[in-house]
Amino acid sequence: FFCAMATNIVNRTAQASKRAVIQSISAKDSQRMLLYKDNDVVAINKPAGIAVHAGPGLTQELTSYLPLWQYEAQSPPSIAHRLDKDTSGVLLLSRTAEAATRLRHLFENKMILKNYCAITVNVPEKVEGSIEVPLAVKDLSTHQSNSHGMHRVILRTDKVDMFSEALAGTTLPGGLQLAWTKYKILSSYGRRCSLLDLELVTGFKHQLRVHLADGLICPVLGDNKFAGPLLRKYPALKKKLQSLGPMGYTKGRMYLHAYQVQIMDYYGVQQPLTIMAPLPPYFVQALKSLGLQIPSKYRNRILSV
């Protein structure tokens, strides 16, 4: 009975998720998305389903909508960092060239801290920990296929000894990326799924998704790109996914949300500038459907701004 009820709830959640995919952004939408604004920075709550930059196969991208957040400035803002197309949450925009340079400097010196929430299939063995495994970009192009120009971010477990905190965030000769992610379990349902708090210490492309999938064997729910090989390699993981019902790896939402950005030393202010984005409604509904609880001390941080 419980499984049938959970499946029905999950079905409705997945269907609502597909209906909620962003098709365009109106002026009214842009105001709802606004989290913070001053003379130098605008922060928005990017919805899942829209890419930040243009790319192959993409019909729209956020750069097309930047004039919506221009306000009284002479030109539209520029994007200060990236979020994957299917990742939602805090995105910083620079309103001036000087602000763009300053934010770039702060990112490079790890003075901007980014936290994410993720629903994962499977549960990490440790309650909290650190993933310090380098990444690399693998070329998938072959002469026998139409995959020319395609790449995939992979975990380099054979290069773990190359990592050091002092060099974290740098790319070594040969393209080895010294990536660093911290995680903490906020809630879990048996050994099937979990809600994680993630700190993105370094910011390489697909870092969180690869570290969770290939590093912890806890892929983000809805992450079709990095789950496939794991499901073929680990039959037990596939069973856990199947136990979650149709909300698993179907086309729809990926449950990864950038809920907080902290800018340290923001123009000499002693306290960091903290910007938070509440969880999307479909994310909250998924937590309820999966029996995952948000700890009380986190509720004000990720359920409302």
C-alpha atoms as a PDB file:
ATOM      1  CA  PHE A   1       0.000   0.000   0.000  1.00  0.00           C
ATOM      2  CA  PHE A   2       2.759   2.434   0.956  1.00  0.00           C
ATOM      3  CA  CYS A   3       4.678   1.757  -2.261  1.00  0.00           C
ATOM      4  CA  ALA A   4       1.566   2.316  -4.359  1.00  0.00           C
ATOM      5  CA  MET A   5       0.750   5.554  -2.550  1.00  0.00           C
ATOM      6  CA  ALA A   6       4.339   6.803  -2.868  1.00  0.00           C
ATOM      7  CA  THR A   7       4.375   5.939  -6.569  1.00  0.00           C
ATOM      8  CA  ASN A   8       1.186   7.954  -7.153  1.00  0.00           C
ATOM      9  CA  ILE A   9       2.622  10.960  -5.322  1.00  0.00           C
ATOM     10  CA  VAL A  10       5.910  10.662  -7.206  1.00  0.00           C
ATOM     11  CA  ASN A  11       4.015  10.369 -10.505  1.00  0.00           C
ATOM     12  CA  ARG A  12       2.172  13.625  -9.845  1.00  0.00           C
ATOM     13  CA  THR A  13       5.424  15.315  -8.804  1.00  0.00           C
ATOM     14  CA  ALA A  14       7.210  14.194 -11.982  1.00  0.00           C
ATOM     15  CA  GLN A  15       4.322  15.361 -14.162  1.00  0.00           C
ATOM     16  CA  ALA A  16       4.213  18.741 -12.442  1.00  0.00           C
ATOM     17  CA  SER A  17       7.979  18.950 -12.870  1.00  0.00           C
ATOM     18  CA  LYS A  18       7.698  18.543 -16.638  1.00  0.00           C
ATOM     19  CA  ARG A  19       4.910  21.108 -16.888  1.00  0.00           C
ATOM     20  CA  ALA A  20       6.979  23.615 -14.927  1.00  0.00           C
ATOM     21  CA  VAL A  21       9.943  23.686 -17.342  1.00  0.00           C
ATOM     22  CA  ILE A  22      10.699  27.312 -18.154  1.00  0.00           C
ATOM     23  CA  GLN A  23       9.835  28.288 -21.741  1.00  0.00           C
ATOM     24  CA  SER A  24      10.600  32.005 -21.517  1.00  0.00           C
ATOM     25  CA  ILE A  25      11.167  34.755 -18.958  1.00  0.00           C
ATOM     26  CA  SER A  26       8.822  37.735 -18.830  1.00  0.00           C
ATOM     27  CA  ALA A  27       9.395  41.069 -17.094  1.00  0.00           C
ATOM     28  CA  LYS A  28       7.112  39.870 -14.306  1.00  0.00           C
ATOM     29  CA  ASP A  29       9.135  36.648 -13.992  1.00  0.00           C
ATOM     30  CA  SER A  30      12.364  38.651 -13.775  1.00  0.00           C
ATOM     31  CA  GLN A  31      11.063  40.546 -10.745  1.00  0.00           C
ATOM     32  CA  ARG A  32      10.077  37.317  -8.993  1.00  0.00           C
ATOM     33  CA  MET A  33      13.539  35.940  -9.718  1.00  0.00           C
ATOM     34  CA  LEU A  34      15.345  38.961  -8.230  1.00  0.00           C
ATOM     35  CA  LEU A  35      17.091  38.162  -4.928  1.00  0.00           C
ATOM     36  CA  TYR A  36      19.438  41.112  -4.449  1.00  0.00           C
ATOM     37  CA  LYS A  37      20.486  44.333  -6.206  1.00  0.00           C
ATOM     38  CA  ASP A  38      22.979  47.112  -5.559  1.00  0.00           C
ATOM     39  CA  ASN A  39      25.068  49.364  -7.813  1.00  0.00           C
ATOM     40  CA  ASP A  40      27.479  46.563  -8.690  1.00  0.00           C
ATOM     41  CA  VAL A  41      25.734  43.220  -8.390  1.00  0.00           C
ATOM     42  CA  VAL A  42      22.382  41.655  -9.195  1.00  0.00           C
ATOM     43  CA  ALA A  43      21.528  38.182  -7.880  1.00  0.00           C
ATOM     44  CA  ILE A  44      18.707  36.146  -9.363  1.00  0.00           C
ATOM     45  CA  ASN A  45      17.095  32.790  -8.588  1.00  0.00           C
ATOM     46  CA  LYS A  46      17.716  30.966 -11.856  1.00  0.00           C
ATOM     47  CA  PRO A  47      15.022  28.414 -12.684  1.00  0.00           C
ATOM     48  CA  ALA A  48      15.910  24.922 -13.815  1.00  0.00           C
ATOM     49  CA  GLY A  49      15.521  24.239 -17.506  1.00  0.00           C
ATOM     50  CA  ILE A  50      17.213  27.319 -18.953  1.00  0.00           C
ATOM     51  CA  ALA A  51      20.884  27.410 -19.928  1.00  0.00           C
ATOM     52  CA  VAL A  52      23.109  30.257 -18.801  1.00  0.00           C
ATOM     53  CA  HIS A  53      25.008  30.413 -22.094  1.00  0.00           C
ATOM     54  CA  ALA A  54      24.187  29.381 -25.655  1.00  0.00           C
ATOM     55  CA  GLY A  55      25.227  25.910 -26.779  1.00  0.00           C
ATOM     56  CA  PRO A  56      24.518  23.131 -29.296  1.00  0.00           C
ATOM     57  CA  GLY A  57      20.910  22.002 -29.228  1.00  0.00           C
ATOM     58  CA  LEU A  58      19.759  24.805 -26.911  1.00  0.00           C
ATOM     59  CA  THR A  59      16.788  26.873 -27.996  1.00  0.00           C
ATOM     60  CA  GLN A  60      17.205  29.654 -25.444  1.00  0.00           C
ATOM     61  CA  GLU A  61      19.710  30.917 -22.929  1.00  0.00           C
ATOM     62  CA  LEU A  62      19.749  33.358 -20.035  1.00  0.00           C
ATOM     63  CA  THR A  63      22.050  35.783 -21.835  1.00  0.00           C
ATOM     64  CA  SER A  64      19.097  36.696 -24.064  1.00  0.00           C
ATOM     65  CA  TYR A  65      17.182  37.963 -21.033  1.00  0.00           C
ATOM     66  CA  LEU A  66      19.911  40.003 -19.322  1.00  0.00           C
ATOM     67  CA  PRO A  67      18.303  43.362 -20.307  1.00  0.00           C
ATOM     68  CA  LEU A  68      15.465  42.481 -17.904  1.00  0.00           C
ATOM     69  CA  TRP A  69      17.886  43.148 -15.031  1.00  0.00           C
ATOM     70  CA  GLN A  70      19.518  46.249 -16.499  1.00  0.00           C
ATOM     71  CA  TYR A  71      17.367  48.716 -14.530  1.00  0.00           C
ATOM     72  CA  GLU A  72      18.964  52.184 -14.526  1.00  0.00           C
ATOM     73  CA  ALA A  73      22.391  50.991 -15.720  1.00  0.00           C
ATOM     74  CA  GLN A  74      23.762  51.996 -19.124  1.00  0.00           C
ATOM     75  CA  SER A  75      24.107  48.401 -20.299  1.00  0.00           C
ATOM     76  CA  PRO A  76      22.784  44.961 -19.336  1.00  0.00           C
ATOM     77  CA  PRO A  77      24.632  43.023 -16.622  1.00  0.00           C
ATOM     78  CA  SER A  78      27.046  40.198 -17.413  1.00  0.00           C
ATOM     79  CA  ILE A  79      27.053  36.687 -15.959  1.00  0.00           C
ATOM     80  CA  ALA A  80      29.645  36.304 -13.189  1.00  0.00           C
ATOM     81  CA  HIS A  81      29.716  32.492 -13.017  1.00  0.00           C
ATOM     82  CA  ARG A  82      27.825  29.493 -14.353  1.00  0.00           C
ATOM     83  CA  LEU A  83      25.069  27.117 -13.313  1.00  0.00           C
ATOM     84  CA  ASP A  84      24.188  24.017 -15.298  1.00  0.00           C
ATOM     85  CA  LYS A  85      21.029  24.214 -17.384  1.00  0.00           C
ATOM     86  CA  ASP A  86      19.049  21.950 -15.054  1.00  0.00           C
ATOM     87  CA  THR A  87      20.464  23.422 -11.821  1.00  0.00           C
ATOM     88  CA  SER A  88      18.410  26.126 -10.111  1.00  0.00           C
ATOM     89  CA  GLY A  89      19.368  28.762  -7.570  1.00  0.00           C
ATOM     90  CA  VAL A  90      21.523  31.820  -6.904  1.00  0.00           C
ATOM     91  CA  LEU A  91      23.245  33.298  -9.946  1.00  0.00           C
ATOM     92  CA  LEU A  92      25.349  36.471  -9.688  1.00  0.00           C
ATOM     93  CA  LEU A  93      25.308  39.135 -12.395  1.00  0.00           C
ATOM     94  CA  SER A  94      27.901  41.933 -12.645  1.00  0.00           C
ATOM     95  CA  ARG A  95      26.482  45.375 -13.411  1.00  0.00           C
ATOM     96  CA  THR A  96      29.805  47.029 -14.321  1.00  0.00           C
ATOM     97  CA  ALA A  97      33.143  45.965 -15.785  1.00  0.00           C
ATOM     98  CA  GLU A  98      34.807  46.837 -12.477  1.00  0.00           C
ATOM     99  CA  ALA A  99      32.374  44.623 -10.561  1.00  0.00           C
ATOM    100  CA  ALA A 100      32.999  41.770 -13.008  1.00  0.00           C
ATOM    101  CA  THR A 101      36.747  42.028 -12.413  1.00  0.00           C
ATOM    102  CA  ARG A 102      36.300  42.139  -8.637  1.00  0.00           C
ATOM    103  CA  LEU A 103      33.966  39.126  -8.573  1.00  0.00           C
ATOM    104  CA  ARG A 104      36.394  37.187 -10.775  1.00  0.00           C
ATOM    105  CA  HIS A 105      39.183  37.982  -8.317  1.00  0.00           C
ATOM    106  CA  LEU A 106      37.041  36.883  -5.356  1.00  0.00           C
ATOM    107  CA  PHE A 107      36.107  33.607  -7.073  1.00  0.00           C
ATOM    108  CA  GLU A 108      39.728  32.869  -7.887  1.00  0.00           C
ATOM    109  CA  ASN A 109      40.738  33.449  -4.261  1.00  0.00           C
ATOM    110  CA  LYS A 110      37.864  31.351  -2.842  1.00  0.00           C
ATOM    111  CA  MET A 111      36.265  34.423  -1.270  1.00  0.00           C
ATOM    112  CA  ILE A 112      32.846  33.537  -2.661  1.00  0.00           C
ATOM    113  CA  LEU A 113      31.299  30.496  -0.989  1.00  0.00           C
ATOM    114  CA  LYS A 114      28.515  28.556  -2.718  1.00  0.00           C
ATOM    115  CA  ASN A 115      26.227  26.014  -1.058  1.00  0.00           C
ATOM    116  CA  TYR A 116      23.850  23.637  -2.783  1.00  0.00           C
ATOM    117  CA  CYS A 117      21.112  21.214  -1.794  1.00  0.00           C
ATOM    118  CA  ALA A 118      20.890  17.922  -3.641  1.00  0.00           C
ATOM    119  CA  ILE A 119      18.591  14.922  -3.477  1.00  0.00           C
ATOM    120  CA  THR A 120      20.668  11.843  -4.216  1.00  0.00           C
ATOM    121  CA  VAL A 121      19.973   8.215  -4.991  1.00  0.00           C
ATOM    122  CA  ASN A 122      21.834   6.215  -2.326  1.00  0.00           C
ATOM    123  CA  VAL A 123      23.258   7.599   0.930  1.00  0.00           C
ATOM    124  CA  PRO A 124      26.925   8.444   1.646  1.00  0.00           C
ATOM    125  CA  GLU A 125      28.662   6.164   4.125  1.00  0.00           C
ATOM    126  CA  LYS A 126      29.817   9.108   6.263  1.00  0.00           C
ATOM    127  CA  VAL A 127      27.517  11.790   7.694  1.00  0.00           C
ATOM    128  CA  GLU A 128      29.856  14.477   6.381  1.00  0.00           C
ATOM    129  CA  GLY A 129      33.083  14.539   4.484  1.00  0.00           C
ATOM    130  CA  SER A 130      35.244  16.013   1.790  1.00  0.00           C
ATOM    131  CA  ILE A 131      35.746  14.872  -1.802  1.00  0.00           C
ATOM    132  CA  GLU A 132      39.203  15.796  -3.024  1.00  0.00           C
ATOM    133  CA  VAL A 133      39.453  13.820  -6.250  1.00  0.00           C
ATOM    134  CA  PRO A 134      40.747  15.571  -9.398  1.00  0.00           C
ATOM    135  CA  LEU A 135      38.693  15.846 -12.577  1.00  0.00           C
ATOM    136  CA  ALA A 136      39.592  15.724 -16.244  1.00  0.00           C
ATOM    137  CA  VAL A 137      37.769  16.292 -19.516  1.00  0.00           C
ATOM    138  CA  LYS A 138      37.613  13.259 -21.777  1.00  0.00           C
ATOM    139  CA  ASP A 139      37.186  13.678 -25.526  1.00  0.00           C
ATOM    140  CA  LEU A 140      34.391  11.401 -26.762  1.00  0.00           C
ATOM    141  CA  SER A 141      34.938  12.145 -30.438  1.00  0.00           C
ATOM    142  CA  THR A 142      35.426   9.116 -32.689  1.00  0.00           C
ATOM    143  CA  HIS A 143      35.845   8.606 -36.404  1.00  0.00           C
ATOM    144  CA  GLN A 144      33.065   6.015 -36.406  1.00  0.00           C
ATOM    145  CA  SER A 145      30.370   8.174 -34.788  1.00  0.00           C
ATOM    146  CA  ASN A 146      28.793  11.606 -34.942  1.00  0.00           C
ATOM    147  CA  SER A 147      30.224  12.563 -31.551  1.00  0.00           C
ATOM    148  CA  HIS A 148      32.691  15.108 -32.916  1.00  0.00           C
ATOM    149  CA  GLY A 149      33.370  17.815 -30.358  1.00  0.00           C
ATOM    150  CA  MET A 150      31.671  15.967 -27.504  1.00  0.00           C
ATOM    151  CA  HIS A 151      33.370  15.801 -24.121  1.00  0.00           C
ATOM    152  CA  ARG A 152      32.687  14.311 -20.707  1.00  0.00           C
ATOM    153  CA  VAL A 153      34.008  15.271 -17.277  1.00  0.00           C
ATOM    154  CA  ILE A 154      35.489  12.235 -15.531  1.00  0.00           C
ATOM    155  CA  LEU A 155      36.940  11.420 -12.106  1.00  0.00           C
ATOM    156  CA  ARG A 156      40.699  10.776 -11.948  1.00  0.00           C
ATOM    157  CA  THR A 157      40.987   8.512  -8.910  1.00  0.00           C
ATOM    158  CA  ASP A 158      44.478   7.574 -10.078  1.00  0.00           C
ATOM    159  CA  LYS A 159      45.603  11.173  -9.460  1.00  0.00           C
ATOM    160  CA  VAL A 160      44.303  11.664  -5.905  1.00  0.00           C
ATOM    161  CA  ASP A 161      47.847  12.171  -4.631  1.00  0.00           C
ATOM    162  CA  MET A 162      48.120  15.298  -6.814  1.00  0.00           C
ATOM    163  CA  PHE A 163      45.508  17.151  -4.738  1.00  0.00           C
ATOM    164  CA  SER A 164      46.444  19.710  -2.095  1.00  0.00           C
ATOM    165  CA  GLU A 165      44.377  22.412  -0.434  1.00  0.00           C
ATOM    166  CA  ALA A 166      46.932  25.024  -1.466  1.00  0.00           C
ATOM    167  CA  LEU A 167      46.535  24.138  -5.146  1.00  0.00           C
ATOM    168  CA  ALA A 168      42.782  23.429  -5.066  1.00  0.00           C
ATOM    169  CA  GLY A 169      40.994  25.167  -7.914  1.00  0.00           C
ATOM    170  CA  THR A 170      43.949  25.106 -10.298  1.00  0.00           C
ATOM    171  CA  THR A 171      44.360  23.147 -13.518  1.00  0.00           C
ATOM    172  CA  LEU A 172      47.665  21.293 -13.825  1.00  0.00           C
ATOM    173  CA  PRO A 173      49.490  20.548 -17.089  1.00  0.00           C
ATOM    174  CA  GLY A 174      47.589  17.906 -19.006  1.00  0.00           C
ATOM    175  CA  GLY A 175      44.229  19.333 -17.949  1.00  0.00           C
ATOM    176  CA  LEU A 176      44.034  17.806 -14.454  1.00  0.00           C
ATOM    177  CA  GLN A 177      41.535  19.857 -12.428  1.00  0.00           C
ATOM    178  CA  LEU A 178      42.097  19.914  -8.661  1.00  0.00           C
ATOM    179  CA  ALA A 179      38.472  19.888  -7.494  1.00  0.00           C
ATOM    180  CA  TRP A 180      37.210  20.027  -3.927  1.00  0.00           C
ATOM    181  CA  THR A 181      33.675  19.453  -2.607  1.00  0.00           C
ATOM    182  CA  LYS A 182      32.435  19.251   0.990  1.00  0.00           C
ATOM    183  CA  TYR A 183      29.194  17.495   1.871  1.00  0.00           C
ATOM    184  CA  LYS A 184      26.902  16.867   4.840  1.00  0.00           C
ATOM    185  CA  ILE A 185      23.851  14.621   5.108  1.00  0.00           C
ATOM    186  CA  LEU A 186      20.809  16.629   6.175  1.00  0.00           C
ATOM    187  CA  SER A 187      18.295  13.797   5.904  1.00  0.00           C
ATOM    188  CA  SER A 188      18.023  10.253   4.568  1.00  0.00           C
ATOM    189  CA  TYR A 189      15.351   7.646   3.966  1.00  0.00           C
ATOM    190  CA  GLY A 190      16.846   4.290   4.821  1.00  0.00           C
ATOM    191  CA  ARG A 191      19.707   3.683   2.420  1.00  0.00           C
ATOM    192  CA  ARG A 192      17.673   4.642  -0.643  1.00  0.00           C
ATOM    193  CA  CYS A 193      18.051   8.413  -0.909  1.00  0.00           C
ATOM    194  CA  SER A 194      19.367  11.461   0.916  1.00  0.00           C
ATOM    195  CA  LEU A 195      19.255  15.246   1.096  1.00  0.00           C
ATOM    196  CA  LEU A 196      22.774  16.705   1.092  1.00  0.00           C
ATOM    197  CA  ASP A 197      24.217  20.123   1.851  1.00  0.00           C
ATOM    198  CA  LEU A 198      27.126  20.694  -0.530  1.00  0.00           C
ATOM    199  CA  GLU A 199      29.860  23.320  -0.371  1.00  0.00           C
ATOM    200  CA  LEU A 200      31.445  23.968  -3.738  1.00  0.00           C
ATOM    201  CA  VAL A 201      34.964  24.874  -2.635  1.00  0.00           C
ATOM    202  CA  THR A 202      36.231  24.918  -6.229  1.00  0.00           C
ATOM    203  CA  GLY A 203      34.032  25.547  -9.234  1.00  0.00           C
ATOM    204  CA  PHE A 204      34.839  23.295 -12.171  1.00  0.00           C
ATOM    205  CA  LYS A 205      32.245  22.356 -14.772  1.00  0.00           C
ATOM    206  CA  HIS A 206      29.979  19.499 -13.602  1.00  0.00           C
ATOM    207  CA  GLN A 207      32.102  19.161 -10.447  1.00  0.00           C
ATOM    208  CA  LEU A 208      29.290  18.461  -7.989  1.00  0.00           C
ATOM    209  CA  ARG A 209      27.542  16.020 -10.286  1.00  0.00           C
ATOM    210  CA  VAL A 210      30.719  14.025 -11.004  1.00  0.00           C
ATOM    211  CA  HIS A 211      31.917  14.064  -7.379  1.00  0.00           C
ATOM    212  CA  LEU A 212      28.549  12.784  -6.176  1.00  0.00           C
ATOM    213  CA  ALA A 213      28.025  10.214  -8.910  1.00  0.00           C
ATOM    214  CA  ASP A 214      31.506   8.778  -9.381  1.00  0.00           C
ATOM    215  CA  GLY A 215      33.038   9.815  -6.070  1.00  0.00           C
ATOM    216  CA  LEU A 216      30.319   8.930  -3.544  1.00  0.00           C
ATOM    217  CA  ILE A 217      28.225   6.637  -5.800  1.00  0.00           C
ATOM    218  CA  CYS A 218      25.304   8.898  -4.867  1.00  0.00           C
ATOM    219  CA  PRO A 219      24.165  10.511  -8.133  1.00  0.00           C
ATOM    220  CA  VAL A 220      21.857  13.507  -8.087  1.00  0.00           C
ATOM    221  CA  LEU A 221      18.249  12.453  -8.602  1.00  0.00           C
ATOM    222  CA  GLY A 222      17.304  13.250 -12.190  1.00  0.00           C
ATOM    223  CA  ASP A 223      20.902  13.528 -13.428  1.00  0.00           C
ATOM    224  CA  ASN A 224      20.628  11.421 -16.576  1.00  0.00           C
ATOM    225  CA  LYS A 225      24.065  12.439 -17.855  1.00  0.00           C
ATOM    226  CA  PHE A 226      26.135  10.921 -15.046  1.00  0.00           C
ATOM    227  CA  ALA A 227      23.828   8.198 -13.740  1.00  0.00           C
ATOM    228  CA  GLY A 228      23.752   5.834 -16.718  1.00  0.00           C
ATOM    229  CA  PRO A 229      27.203   4.258 -16.362  1.00  0.00           C
ATOM    230  CA  LEU A 230      26.677   3.845 -12.606  1.00  0.00           C
ATOM    231  CA  LEU A 231      23.378   2.029 -13.047  1.00  0.00           C
ATOM    232  CA  ARG A 232      25.035  -0.439 -15.409  1.00  0.00           C
ATOM    233  CA  LYS A 233      27.980  -0.929 -13.056  1.00  0.00           C
ATOM    234  CA  TYR A 234      26.079  -1.160  -9.750  1.00  0.00           C
ATOM    235  CA  PRO A 235      22.891  -3.300  -9.882  1.00  0.00           C
ATOM    236  CA  ALA A 236      22.145  -2.441  -6.222  1.00  0.00           C
ATOM    237  CA  LEU A 237      22.076   1.256  -7.118  1.00  0.00           C
ATOM    238  CA  LYS A 238      19.650   0.555  -9.932  1.00  0.00           C
ATOM    239  CA  LYS A 239      17.348  -1.247  -7.490  1.00  0.00           C
ATOM    240  CA  LYS A 240      17.414   1.761  -5.147  1.00  0.00           C
ATOM    241  CA  LEU A 241      16.527   4.004  -8.053  1.00  0.00           C
ATOM    242  CA  GLN A 242      13.647   1.758  -9.066  1.00  0.00           C
ATOM    243  CA  SER A 243      12.358   1.798  -5.488  1.00  0.00           C
ATOM    244  CA  LEU A 244      11.881   5.579  -5.790  1.00  0.00           C
ATOM    245  CA  GLY A 245       9.303   5.156  -8.527  1.00  0.00           C
ATOM    246  CA  PRO A 246       9.068   7.019 -11.844  1.00  0.00           C
ATOM    247  CA  MET A 247      10.573  10.216 -10.454  1.00  0.00           C
ATOM    248  CA  GLY A 248      14.033   8.666 -10.928  1.00  0.00           C
ATOM    249  CA  TYR A 249      15.936   9.163 -14.122  1.00  0.00           C
ATOM    250  CA  THR A 250      13.188  10.323 -16.430  1.00  0.00           C
ATOM    251  CA  LYS A 251      13.216  13.524 -18.443  1.00  0.00           C
ATOM    252  CA  GLY A 252      12.256  16.328 -16.108  1.00  0.00           C
ATOM    253  CA  ARG A 253      13.935  17.948 -13.151  1.00  0.00           C
ATOM    254  CA  MET A 254      17.385  17.450 -11.734  1.00  0.00           C
ATOM    255  CA  TYR A 255      17.290  17.944  -7.963  1.00  0.00           C
ATOM    256  CA  LEU A 256      20.290  20.229  -7.497  1.00  0.00           C
ATOM    257  CA  HIS A 257      19.739  23.766  -6.185  1.00  0.00           C
ATOM    258  CA  ALA A 258      22.241  26.541  -5.355  1.00  0.00           C
ATOM    259  CA  TYR A 259      20.572  27.844  -2.200  1.00  0.00           C
ATOM    260  CA  GLN A 260      23.252  30.204  -0.852  1.00  0.00           C
ATOM    261  CA  VAL A 261      26.110  32.423  -2.001  1.00  0.00           C
ATOM    262  CA  GLN A 262      28.319  34.301   0.458  1.00  0.00           C
ATOM    263  CA  ILE A 263      30.648  37.042  -0.751  1.00  0.00           C
ATOM    264  CA  MET A 264      33.491  37.626   1.697  1.00  0.00           C
ATOM    265  CA  ASP A 265      35.162  41.022   2.074  1.00  0.00           C
ATOM    266  CA  TYR A 266      32.425  42.680   0.058  1.00  0.00           C
ATOM    267  CA  TYR A 267      33.840  46.186  -0.254  1.00  0.00           C
ATOM    268  CA  GLY A 268      35.430  46.008   3.176  1.00  0.00           C
ATOM    269  CA  VAL A 269      32.262  45.027   5.028  1.00  0.00           C
ATOM    270  CA  GLN A 270      33.168  42.779   7.945  1.00  0.00           C
ATOM    271  CA  GLN A 271      30.154  40.498   7.604  1.00  0.00           C
ATOM    272  CA  PRO A 272      29.850  38.565   4.332  1.00  0.00           C
ATOM    273  CA  LEU A 273      27.100  39.463   1.893  1.00  0.00           C
ATOM    274  CA  THR A 274      24.787  36.437   2.077  1.00  0.00           C
ATOM    275  CA  ILE A 275      22.270  35.797  -0.701  1.00  0.00           C
ATOM    276  CA  MET A 276      19.808  32.913  -0.462  1.00  0.00           C
ATOM    277  CA  ALA A 277      17.371  31.348  -2.903  1.00  0.00           C
ATOM    278  CA  PRO A 278      14.469  29.261  -1.570  1.00  0.00           C
ATOM    279  CA  LEU A 279      13.952  25.746  -2.862  1.00  0.00           C
ATOM    280  CA  PRO A 280      11.575  25.501  -5.853  1.00  0.00           C
ATOM    281  CA  PRO A 281       8.124  24.081  -5.018  1.00  0.00           C
ATOM    282  CA  TYR A 282       8.770  20.893  -7.026  1.00  0.00           C
ATOM    283  CA  PHE A 283      11.929  20.282  -4.940  1.00  0.00           C
ATOM    284  CA  VAL A 284      10.000  20.677  -1.673  1.00  0.00           C
ATOM    285  CA  GLN A 285       7.281  18.329  -2.953  1.00  0.00           C
ATOM    286  CA  ALA A 286       9.913  15.738  -3.871  1.00  0.00           C
ATOM    287  CA  LEU A 287      11.332  15.873  -0.338  1.00  0.00           C
ATOM    288  CA  LYS A 288       7.879  15.162   1.073  1.00  0.00           C
ATOM    289  CA  SER A 289       7.257  12.371  -1.410  1.00  0.00           C
ATOM    290  CA  LEU A 290      10.561  10.681  -0.590  1.00  0.00           C
ATOM    291  CA  GLY A 291      10.237  11.016   3.198  1.00  0.00           C
ATOM    292  CA  LEU A 292      13.179  13.420   3.523  1.00  0.00           C
ATOM    293  CA  GLN A 293      13.087  16.026   6.281  1.00  0.00           C
ATOM    294  CA  ILE A 294      14.705  19.468   6.331  1.00  0.00           C
ATOM    295  CA  PRO A 295      16.463  20.075   9.683  1.00  0.00           C
ATOM    296  CA  SER A 296      14.901  22.959  11.597  1.00  0.00           C
ATOM    297  CA  LYS A 297      18.035  25.134  11.492  1.00  0.00           C
ATOM    298  CA  TYR A 298      18.004  24.927   7.681  1.00  0.00           C
ATOM    299  CA  ARG A 299      14.333  25.659   7.109  1.00  0.00           C
ATOM    300  CA  ASN A 300      14.601  29.444   7.147  1.00  0.00           C
ATOM    301  CA  ARG A 301      17.636  29.256   4.888  1.00  0.00           C
ATOM    302  CA  ILE A 302      16.225  27.101   2.101  1.00  0.00           C
ATOM    303  CA  LEU A 303      12.453  27.373   2.341  1.00  0.00           C
ATOM    304  CA  SER A 304      12.147  31.166   2.361  1.00  0.00           C
ATOM    305  CA  VAL A 305      14.307  34.223   1.896  1.00  0.00           C
END
